[in-house]
Amino acid sequence: MATPYQDRIIKAPALNIGDEIYYDAASQGRLLVKQCADCKKYHHYPRALCPFCFSDKTEWKEAKGTGTIYTYSVTRRAGPDVYTIAYVTLDEGVSMLTNIVDCDHDAIRIGQKVKVVFKPAEGGMAIPMFAPA
């Protein structure tokens, strides 16, 4: 039996220093990732030092917001709402831990193309998630 997406209450994340830029952009409908100015590699989750060359010259770049599902798990017993957690590999090459939303959970597949959508969290913050493209 198909399990459709249901809106659920999304808790606002605890912010680290410097996360405001990421979530402010999400509230404007933009997905940001970090890119190292020295080695030119993208990385996610956002952090001050490049995880590849340890440079402190990292810059926010707007991502295309598209990618593919690398792996996923449908959670049916954690509470009243079924949801899907997944790693999505963005077209920029980085992977994000995220949720797959606005779809039939039973139709999700590894390798499926997805696009970013922004869902409201408690307190009005927008959280980037992904839906089938």
Foldseek 3Di string as FASTA:
>chain_A
DWAAFDDDAAADDDDDPPCPVQQVVVLVVWHKWKAAPPPRATEPDDDQADPPPRDSRIDIDTAPQKFFFQDKDWDDPPDPGIWMWTWTQGPSGYTDTATEHRGGPVPDDGGFMWGWDWDAHPPGTTDIHIYGD
